[in-house]
């Protein structure tokens, strides 16, 4: 299923960013911790979706799919440096928001 695979792709890209970005001051460390927290939220929500994958496959989610494809493309283009932390936070927040909608749709 494309939607689920795209969520996993965004998650993988976030992990890659976290592995390569290096904060140089306290403000960047705080933002990076926020990325870690959002990635944890996304991981928890993905686990819920795995349990509901069959229901998700038939849900009418065209708008969410389009938004997710858009942010997945953005995440692929984000350089894995701490200077891009604000962009990663925005992408991660959107991914978590979409994933929460999906979990609610199949609950």
N, C-alpha and C. Protein backbone atom coordinates (compact mmCIF):
# COMPACT_ATOMS: atom_id res chain seq x y z
N UNK A 1 0.84 -1.17 0.00
CA UNK A 1 0.00 0.00 0.00
C UNK A 1 0.89 1.24 0.00
N UNK A 2 0.66 2.13 -0.93
CA UNK A 2 1.52 3.29 -1.14
C UNK A 2 1.55 4.23 0.07
N UNK A 3 0.41 4.47 0.68
CA UNK A 3 0.35 5.39 1.80
C UNK A 3 1.20 4.90 2.96
N UNK A 4 1.06 3.66 3.31
CA UNK A 4 1.82 3.08 4.41
C UNK A 4 3.31 3.08 4.09
N UNK A 5 3.65 2.70 2.86
CA UNK A 5 5.05 2.69 2.44
C UNK A 5 5.66 4.08 2.49
N UNK A 6 4.88 5.09 2.13
CA UNK A 6 5.38 6.46 2.17
C UNK A 6 5.63 6.91 3.60
N UNK A 7 4.76 6.53 4.52
CA UNK A 7 4.98 6.84 5.93
C UNK A 7 6.28 6.20 6.43
N UNK A 8 6.50 4.96 6.05
CA UNK A 8 7.73 4.28 6.44
C UNK A 8 8.95 4.96 5.83
N UNK A 9 8.81 5.45 4.61
CA UNK A 9 9.89 6.15 3.94
C UNK A 9 10.24 7.45 4.67
N UNK A 10 9.22 8.19 5.08
CA UNK A 10 9.46 9.43 5.84
C UNK A 10 10.15 9.09 7.16
N UNK A 11 9.70 8.04 7.82
CA UNK A 11 10.33 7.61 9.07
C UNK A 11 11.80 7.27 8.84
N UNK A 12 12.10 6.52 7.79
CA UNK A 12 13.50 6.17 7.48
C UNK A 12 14.34 7.41 7.22
N UNK A 13 13.78 8.38 6.49
CA UNK A 13 14.52 9.60 6.20
C UNK A 13 14.76 10.41 7.48
N UNK A 14 13.80 10.40 8.39
CA UNK A 14 14.00 11.10 9.66
C UNK A 14 15.12 10.45 10.46
N UNK A 15 15.16 9.14 10.49
CA UNK A 15 16.23 8.43 11.19
C UNK A 15 17.57 8.78 10.56
N UNK A 16 17.63 8.78 9.24
CA UNK A 16 18.87 9.13 8.55
C UNK A 16 19.32 10.54 8.93
N UNK A 17 18.37 11.48 8.96
CA UNK A 17 18.70 12.85 9.34
C UNK A 17 19.24 12.88 10.77
N UNK A 18 18.57 12.19 11.68
CA UNK A 18 18.99 12.17 13.07
C UNK A 18 20.40 11.59 13.24
N UNK A 19 20.73 10.61 12.43
CA UNK A 19 22.06 10.00 12.51
C UNK A 19 23.16 10.92 12.00
N UNK A 20 22.84 11.82 11.09
CA UNK A 20 23.87 12.64 10.46
C UNK A 20 23.94 14.08 10.94
N UNK A 21 22.86 14.61 11.47
CA UNK A 21 22.86 16.00 11.93
C UNK A 21 23.56 16.08 13.29
N UNK A 22 24.33 17.12 13.48
CA UNK A 22 25.06 17.30 14.73
C UNK A 22 24.82 18.69 15.30
N UNK A 23 24.13 18.78 16.43
CA UNK A 23 23.88 20.09 17.02
C UNK A 23 25.18 20.71 17.53
N UNK A 24 25.26 22.03 17.45
CA UNK A 24 26.48 22.72 17.88
C UNK A 24 26.23 23.65 19.06
N UNK A 25 24.96 23.80 19.46
CA UNK A 25 24.67 24.65 20.62
C UNK A 25 23.40 24.14 21.29
N UNK A 26 23.06 24.75 22.41
CA UNK A 26 21.91 24.28 23.20
C UNK A 26 20.59 24.41 22.45
N UNK A 27 20.39 25.50 21.72
CA UNK A 27 19.14 25.68 20.98
C UNK A 27 18.96 24.57 19.93
N UNK A 28 20.04 24.23 19.26
CA UNK A 28 19.97 23.15 18.26
C UNK A 28 19.73 21.80 18.94
N UNK A 29 20.30 21.59 20.10
CA UNK A 29 20.07 20.33 20.84
C UNK A 29 18.59 20.19 21.21
N UNK A 30 18.00 21.30 21.66
CA UNK A 30 16.58 21.29 22.03
C UNK A 30 15.72 20.95 20.81
N UNK A 31 16.02 21.57 19.67
CA UNK A 31 15.25 21.28 18.46
C UNK A 31 15.44 19.83 18.02
N UNK A 32 16.67 19.33 18.16
CA UNK A 32 16.93 17.95 17.76
C UNK A 32 16.18 16.98 18.68
N UNK A 33 16.10 17.30 19.97
CA UNK A 33 15.31 16.46 20.89
C UNK A 33 13.85 16.45 20.47
N UNK A 34 13.36 17.58 19.97
CA UNK A 34 11.98 17.66 19.51
C UNK A 34 11.79 16.74 18.29
N UNK A 35 12.78 16.71 17.39
CA UNK A 35 12.71 15.79 16.24
C UNK A 35 12.66 14.35 16.75
N UNK A 36 13.51 14.02 17.73
CA UNK A 36 13.49 12.68 18.32
C UNK A 36 12.10 12.34 18.87
N UNK A 37 11.50 13.30 19.58
CA UNK A 37 10.18 13.06 20.17
C UNK A 37 9.13 12.84 19.09
N UNK A 38 9.16 13.66 18.05
CA UNK A 38 8.19 13.50 16.96
C UNK A 38 8.40 12.17 16.24
N UNK A 39 9.64 11.78 16.08
CA UNK A 39 9.94 10.49 15.44
C UNK A 39 9.39 9.35 16.31
N UNK A 40 9.49 9.48 17.63
CA UNK A 40 8.92 8.48 18.54
C UNK A 40 7.41 8.42 18.42
N UNK A 41 6.77 9.60 18.33
CA UNK A 41 5.31 9.64 18.14
C UNK A 41 4.93 8.95 16.84
N UNK A 42 5.67 9.26 15.78
CA UNK A 42 5.39 8.65 14.48
C UNK A 42 5.54 7.13 14.55
N UNK A 43 6.58 6.67 15.22
CA UNK A 43 6.82 5.23 15.36
C UNK A 43 5.66 4.56 16.10
N UNK A 44 5.19 5.18 17.18
CA UNK A 44 4.05 4.62 17.93
C UNK A 44 2.80 4.54 17.06
N UNK A 45 2.55 5.61 16.31
CA UNK A 45 1.37 5.64 15.44
C UNK A 45 1.49 4.61 14.31
N UNK A 46 2.68 4.45 13.78
CA UNK A 46 2.89 3.45 12.73
C UNK A 46 2.60 2.05 13.26
N UNK A 47 2.98 1.80 14.50
CA UNK A 47 2.68 0.50 15.10
C UNK A 47 1.17 0.26 15.17
N UNK A 48 0.41 1.31 15.50
CA UNK A 48 -1.05 1.18 15.53
C UNK A 48 -1.59 0.91 14.12
N UNK A 49 -1.01 1.58 13.14
CA UNK A 49 -1.47 1.37 11.76
C UNK A 49 -1.17 -0.03 11.25
N UNK A 50 -0.05 -0.59 11.67
CA UNK A 50 0.28 -1.96 11.26
C UNK A 50 -0.84 -2.90 11.69
N UNK A 51 -1.34 -2.69 12.89
CA UNK A 51 -2.42 -3.54 13.40
C UNK A 51 -3.72 -3.35 12.62
N UNK A 52 -3.88 -2.20 11.99
CA UNK A 52 -5.12 -1.88 11.28
C UNK A 52 -4.91 -1.79 9.77
N UNK A 53 -3.88 -2.38 9.25
CA UNK A 53 -3.50 -2.20 7.85
C UNK A 53 -4.60 -2.57 6.86
N UNK A 54 -5.37 -3.58 7.13
CA UNK A 54 -6.44 -3.99 6.20
C UNK A 54 -7.51 -2.90 6.12
N UNK A 55 -7.94 -2.37 7.27
CA UNK A 55 -8.91 -1.29 7.25
C UNK A 55 -8.35 -0.07 6.53
N UNK A 56 -7.07 0.22 6.76
CA UNK A 56 -6.44 1.39 6.15
C UNK A 56 -6.41 1.27 4.63
N UNK A 57 -6.26 0.07 4.13
CA UNK A 57 -6.14 -0.12 2.68
C UNK A 57 -7.42 0.25 1.92
N UNK A 58 -8.56 0.27 2.60
CA UNK A 58 -9.81 0.61 1.91
C UNK A 58 -10.36 1.97 2.31
N UNK A 59 -9.64 2.68 3.17
CA UNK A 59 -10.11 4.00 3.62
C UNK A 59 -9.92 5.04 2.52
N UNK A 60 -10.86 5.97 2.36
CA UNK A 60 -10.74 7.04 1.35
C UNK A 60 -9.84 8.16 1.87
N UNK A 61 -8.57 8.12 1.50
CA UNK A 61 -7.59 9.04 2.09
C UNK A 61 -6.77 9.77 1.02
N UNK A 62 -7.42 10.22 -0.04
CA UNK A 62 -6.71 10.86 -1.14
C UNK A 62 -5.96 12.12 -0.71
N UNK A 63 -6.60 12.96 0.10
CA UNK A 63 -5.96 14.22 0.53
C UNK A 63 -4.72 13.94 1.38
N UNK A 64 -4.85 13.01 2.31
CA UNK A 64 -3.72 12.66 3.16
C UNK A 64 -2.59 12.04 2.35
N UNK A 65 -2.94 11.23 1.37
CA UNK A 65 -1.93 10.62 0.52
C UNK A 65 -1.15 11.69 -0.25
N UNK A 66 -1.84 12.67 -0.78
CA UNK A 66 -1.18 13.74 -1.53
C UNK A 66 -0.25 14.55 -0.62
N UNK A 67 -0.73 14.90 0.57
CA UNK A 67 0.12 15.66 1.52
C UNK A 67 1.33 14.85 1.92
N UNK A 68 1.12 13.58 2.17
CA UNK A 68 2.22 12.71 2.59
C UNK A 68 3.26 12.56 1.48
N UNK A 69 2.80 12.38 0.25
CA UNK A 69 3.74 12.29 -0.86
C UNK A 69 4.56 13.56 -1.00
N UNK A 70 3.92 14.70 -0.77
CA UNK A 70 4.61 15.98 -0.85
C UNK A 70 5.71 16.10 0.21
N UNK A 71 5.38 15.78 1.46
CA UNK A 71 6.39 15.92 2.50
C UNK A 71 7.48 14.86 2.39
N UNK A 72 7.13 13.69 1.85
CA UNK A 72 8.14 12.65 1.65
C UNK A 72 9.18 13.14 0.64
N UNK A 73 8.72 13.80 -0.41
CA UNK A 73 9.64 14.37 -1.39
C UNK A 73 10.51 15.45 -0.77
N UNK A 74 9.91 16.28 0.07
CA UNK A 74 10.68 17.32 0.76
C UNK A 74 11.74 16.70 1.66
N UNK A 75 11.37 15.67 2.40
CA UNK A 75 12.30 15.04 3.33
C UNK A 75 13.49 14.44 2.60
N UNK A 76 13.26 13.88 1.42
CA UNK A 76 14.35 13.31 0.63
C UNK A 76 15.36 14.38 0.22
N UNK A 77 14.86 15.60 0.03
CA UNK A 77 15.73 16.69 -0.44
C UNK A 77 16.41 17.45 0.70
N UNK A 78 16.00 17.20 1.93
CA UNK A 78 16.58 17.92 3.06
C UNK A 78 17.98 17.38 3.34
N UNK A 79 18.90 18.31 3.42
CA UNK A 79 20.27 17.94 3.75
C UNK A 79 20.33 17.50 5.21
N UNK A 80 21.08 16.45 5.49
CA UNK A 80 21.15 15.89 6.84
C UNK A 80 22.16 16.67 7.68
N UNK A 81 21.83 17.93 7.95
CA UNK A 81 22.65 18.78 8.81
C UNK A 81 21.75 19.47 9.81
N UNK A 82 22.33 19.92 10.89
CA UNK A 82 21.54 20.58 11.93
C UNK A 82 20.91 21.88 11.42
N UNK A 83 21.48 22.48 10.40
CA UNK A 83 20.93 23.72 9.85
C UNK A 83 19.53 23.53 9.27
N UNK A 84 19.15 22.31 8.97
CA UNK A 84 17.84 22.04 8.40
C UNK A 84 16.82 21.58 9.44
N UNK A 85 17.16 21.73 10.72
CA UNK A 85 16.30 21.20 11.78
C UNK A 85 14.89 21.78 11.74
N UNK A 86 14.74 23.05 11.43
CA UNK A 86 13.39 23.63 11.39
C UNK A 86 12.55 22.99 10.29
N UNK A 87 13.15 22.72 9.16
CA UNK A 87 12.44 22.06 8.06
C UNK A 87 12.04 20.63 8.47
N UNK A 88 12.97 19.93 9.12
CA UNK A 88 12.69 18.56 9.57
C UNK A 88 11.59 18.55 10.62
N UNK A 89 11.61 19.53 11.52
CA UNK A 89 10.54 19.62 12.52
C UNK A 89 9.18 19.81 11.85
N UNK A 90 9.12 20.65 10.84
CA UNK A 90 7.86 20.89 10.13
C UNK A 90 7.39 19.62 9.42
N UNK A 91 8.30 18.94 8.75
CA UNK A 91 7.95 17.70 8.05
C UNK A 91 7.51 16.63 9.04
N UNK A 92 8.26 16.48 10.13
CA UNK A 92 7.92 15.47 11.13
C UNK A 92 6.56 15.76 11.76
N UNK A 93 6.31 17.02 12.05
CA UNK A 93 5.02 17.39 12.62
C UNK A 93 3.87 17.07 11.69
N UNK A 94 4.07 17.34 10.41
CA UNK A 94 3.03 17.02 9.42
C UNK A 94 2.83 15.51 9.31
N UNK A 95 3.92 14.76 9.32
CA UNK A 95 3.82 13.29 9.23
C UNK A 95 3.05 12.74 10.42
N UNK A 96 3.35 13.25 11.61
CA UNK A 96 2.63 12.79 12.81
C UNK A 96 1.16 13.16 12.72
N UNK A 97 0.87 14.38 12.26
CA UNK A 97 -0.52 14.82 12.11
C UNK A 97 -1.28 13.91 11.15
N UNK A 98 -0.69 13.60 10.01
CA UNK A 98 -1.32 12.72 9.03
C UNK A 98 -1.52 11.33 9.62
N UNK A 99 -0.51 10.84 10.29
CA UNK A 99 -0.59 9.50 10.87
C UNK A 99 -1.68 9.43 11.93
N UNK A 100 -1.84 10.49 12.73
CA UNK A 100 -2.92 10.52 13.72
C UNK A 100 -4.28 10.45 13.03
N UNK A 101 -4.44 11.17 11.91
CA UNK A 101 -5.69 11.12 11.16
C UNK A 101 -5.96 9.71 10.65
N UNK A 102 -4.91 9.05 10.19
CA UNK A 102 -5.08 7.69 9.68
C UNK A 102 -5.49 6.73 10.80
N UNK A 103 -4.85 6.86 11.95
CA UNK A 103 -5.21 6.01 13.08
C UNK A 103 -6.67 6.26 13.48
N UNK A 104 -7.08 7.52 13.49
CA UNK A 104 -8.47 7.84 13.84
C UNK A 104 -9.43 7.29 12.79
N UNK A 105 -9.02 7.28 11.54
CA UNK A 105 -9.89 6.81 10.46
C UNK A 105 -10.15 5.32 10.54
N UNK A 106 -9.20 4.57 11.07
CA UNK A 106 -9.37 3.12 11.13
C UNK A 106 -9.75 2.62 12.51
N UNK A 107 -9.86 3.53 13.45
CA UNK A 107 -10.18 3.12 14.83
C UNK A 107 -11.64 2.66 14.93
